[in-house]
């Protein structure tokens, strides 16, 4: 089972590196979208906690 996880992790890393090397602008767009999603989620949690306290 541990070997399968290690192989899967290597496949993911190779795929990410391949994507970055072949199309860096698309990879940058994907990273930007990811950070926007994380930011929106954090903002939503903050608003929820603020309303919960009030």
N, C-alpha and C. Protein backbone atom coordinates (compact mmCIF):
# COMPACT_ATOMS: atom_id res chain seq x y z
N UNK A 1 0.82 -1.20 0.00
CA UNK A 1 0.00 0.00 0.00
C UNK A 1 0.87 1.27 0.00
N UNK A 2 1.94 1.23 0.77
CA UNK A 2 2.83 2.40 0.82
C UNK A 2 3.50 2.64 -0.53
N UNK A 3 3.82 1.54 -1.24
CA UNK A 3 4.43 1.67 -2.56
C UNK A 3 3.46 2.32 -3.53
N UNK A 4 2.19 1.97 -3.45
CA UNK A 4 1.19 2.55 -4.36
C UNK A 4 1.07 4.06 -4.13
N UNK A 5 1.09 4.48 -2.88
CA UNK A 5 1.01 5.91 -2.57
C UNK A 5 2.24 6.65 -3.13
N UNK A 6 3.40 6.03 -2.98
CA UNK A 6 4.64 6.65 -3.45
C UNK A 6 4.62 6.77 -4.98
N UNK A 7 4.17 5.73 -5.66
CA UNK A 7 4.09 5.76 -7.12
C UNK A 7 3.08 6.81 -7.58
N UNK A 8 1.94 6.87 -6.92
CA UNK A 8 0.92 7.86 -7.26
C UNK A 8 1.45 9.28 -7.07
N UNK A 9 2.19 9.51 -5.98
CA UNK A 9 2.77 10.83 -5.73
C UNK A 9 3.77 11.19 -6.82
N UNK A 10 4.60 10.24 -7.25
CA UNK A 10 5.56 10.50 -8.32
C UNK A 10 4.84 10.84 -9.63
N UNK A 11 3.77 10.13 -9.91
CA UNK A 11 3.00 10.41 -11.13
C UNK A 11 2.43 11.82 -11.09
N UNK A 12 1.89 12.23 -9.95
CA UNK A 12 1.34 13.58 -9.81
C UNK A 12 2.42 14.63 -10.00
N UNK A 13 3.58 14.42 -9.39
CA UNK A 13 4.69 15.38 -9.51
C UNK A 13 5.14 15.50 -10.96
N UNK A 14 5.28 14.37 -11.64
CA UNK A 14 5.71 14.39 -13.05
C UNK A 14 4.67 15.12 -13.90
N UNK A 15 3.39 14.87 -13.64
CA UNK A 15 2.34 15.54 -14.40
C UNK A 15 2.38 17.05 -14.18
N UNK A 16 2.55 17.47 -12.94
CA UNK A 16 2.61 18.92 -12.64
C UNK A 16 3.81 19.55 -13.33
N UNK A 17 4.96 18.91 -13.25
CA UNK A 17 6.15 19.46 -13.91
C UNK A 17 5.98 19.51 -15.42
N UNK A 18 5.38 18.47 -15.99
CA UNK A 18 5.13 18.44 -17.43
C UNK A 18 4.21 19.60 -17.84
N UNK A 19 3.17 19.83 -17.06
CA UNK A 19 2.23 20.92 -17.36
C UNK A 19 2.93 22.27 -17.28
N UNK A 20 3.75 22.46 -16.27
CA UNK A 20 4.46 23.74 -16.11
C UNK A 20 5.43 23.96 -17.26
N UNK A 21 6.15 22.92 -17.66
CA UNK A 21 7.15 23.06 -18.71
C UNK A 21 6.51 23.28 -20.08
N UNK A 22 5.43 22.55 -20.38
CA UNK A 22 4.84 22.65 -21.71
C UNK A 22 3.99 23.90 -21.91
N UNK A 23 3.31 24.36 -20.87
CA UNK A 23 2.49 25.57 -21.01
C UNK A 23 2.50 26.36 -19.70
N UNK A 24 3.54 27.15 -19.50
CA UNK A 24 3.66 27.89 -18.23
C UNK A 24 2.54 28.91 -18.02
N UNK A 25 2.03 29.50 -19.08
CA UNK A 25 0.97 30.50 -18.88
C UNK A 25 -0.32 29.84 -18.39
N UNK A 26 -0.64 28.67 -18.93
CA UNK A 26 -1.83 27.95 -18.48
C UNK A 26 -1.64 27.48 -17.04
N UNK A 27 -0.43 27.03 -16.70
CA UNK A 27 -0.15 26.60 -15.33
C UNK A 27 -0.30 27.78 -14.37
N UNK A 28 0.16 28.95 -14.78
CA UNK A 28 0.02 30.14 -13.94
C UNK A 28 -1.46 30.50 -13.75
N UNK A 29 -2.25 30.36 -14.80
CA UNK A 29 -3.68 30.62 -14.68
C UNK A 29 -4.34 29.65 -13.70
N UNK A 30 -3.95 28.39 -13.76
CA UNK A 30 -4.52 27.40 -12.85
C UNK A 30 -4.15 27.69 -11.40
N UNK A 31 -2.92 28.10 -11.17
CA UNK A 31 -2.49 28.46 -9.82
C UNK A 31 -3.26 29.67 -9.32
N UNK A 32 -3.45 30.65 -10.19
CA UNK A 32 -4.21 31.84 -9.81
C UNK A 32 -5.65 31.48 -9.45
N UNK A 33 -6.27 30.61 -10.23
CA UNK A 33 -7.63 30.17 -9.94
C UNK A 33 -7.68 29.45 -8.59
N UNK A 34 -6.68 28.62 -8.33
CA UNK A 34 -6.62 27.91 -7.06
C UNK A 34 -6.51 28.85 -5.88
N UNK A 35 -5.64 29.85 -5.99
CA UNK A 35 -5.48 30.80 -4.90
C UNK A 35 -6.73 31.66 -4.71
N UNK A 36 -7.41 32.00 -5.80
CA UNK A 36 -8.66 32.75 -5.68
C UNK A 36 -9.71 31.91 -4.94
N UNK A 37 -9.75 30.62 -5.23
CA UNK A 37 -10.69 29.74 -4.55
C UNK A 37 -10.40 29.64 -3.06
N UNK A 38 -9.12 29.50 -2.72
CA UNK A 38 -8.73 29.43 -1.31
C UNK A 38 -9.06 30.74 -0.61
N UNK A 39 -8.80 31.85 -1.28
CA UNK A 39 -9.09 33.16 -0.70
C UNK A 39 -10.58 33.34 -0.47
N UNK A 40 -11.38 32.93 -1.43
CA UNK A 40 -12.84 33.05 -1.28
C UNK A 40 -13.34 32.18 -0.13
N UNK A 41 -12.79 30.99 -0.01
CA UNK A 41 -13.20 30.10 1.07
C UNK A 41 -12.84 30.69 2.44
N UNK A 42 -11.63 31.24 2.54
CA UNK A 42 -11.20 31.84 3.80
C UNK A 42 -12.07 33.05 4.14
N UNK A 43 -12.41 33.84 3.13
CA UNK A 43 -13.27 35.00 3.35
C UNK A 43 -14.65 34.56 3.83
N UNK A 44 -15.19 33.50 3.23
CA UNK A 44 -16.48 32.97 3.64
C UNK A 44 -16.47 32.48 5.08
N UNK A 45 -15.40 31.78 5.46
CA UNK A 45 -15.28 31.31 6.84
C UNK A 45 -15.20 32.49 7.80
N UNK A 46 -14.45 33.52 7.41
CA UNK A 46 -14.34 34.71 8.25
C UNK A 46 -15.67 35.41 8.43
N UNK A 47 -16.43 35.54 7.35
CA UNK A 47 -17.75 36.16 7.45
C UNK A 47 -18.69 35.33 8.31
N UNK A 48 -18.62 34.01 8.17
CA UNK A 48 -19.45 33.12 8.97
C UNK A 48 -19.12 33.27 10.45
N UNK A 49 -17.85 33.29 10.79
CA UNK A 49 -17.45 33.43 12.19
C UNK A 49 -17.87 34.79 12.75
N UNK A 50 -17.77 35.83 11.93
CA UNK A 50 -18.19 37.16 12.37
C UNK A 50 -19.68 37.17 12.68
N UNK A 51 -20.46 36.59 11.79
CA UNK A 51 -21.92 36.54 12.02
C UNK A 51 -22.25 35.65 13.21
N UNK A 52 -21.48 34.62 13.42
CA UNK A 52 -21.71 33.72 14.54
C UNK A 52 -21.49 34.43 15.88
N UNK A 53 -20.47 35.28 15.93
CA UNK A 53 -20.15 36.01 17.15
C UNK A 53 -21.20 37.09 17.41
N UNK A 54 -21.69 37.71 16.36
CA UNK A 54 -22.68 38.79 16.54
C UNK A 54 -23.97 38.20 16.84
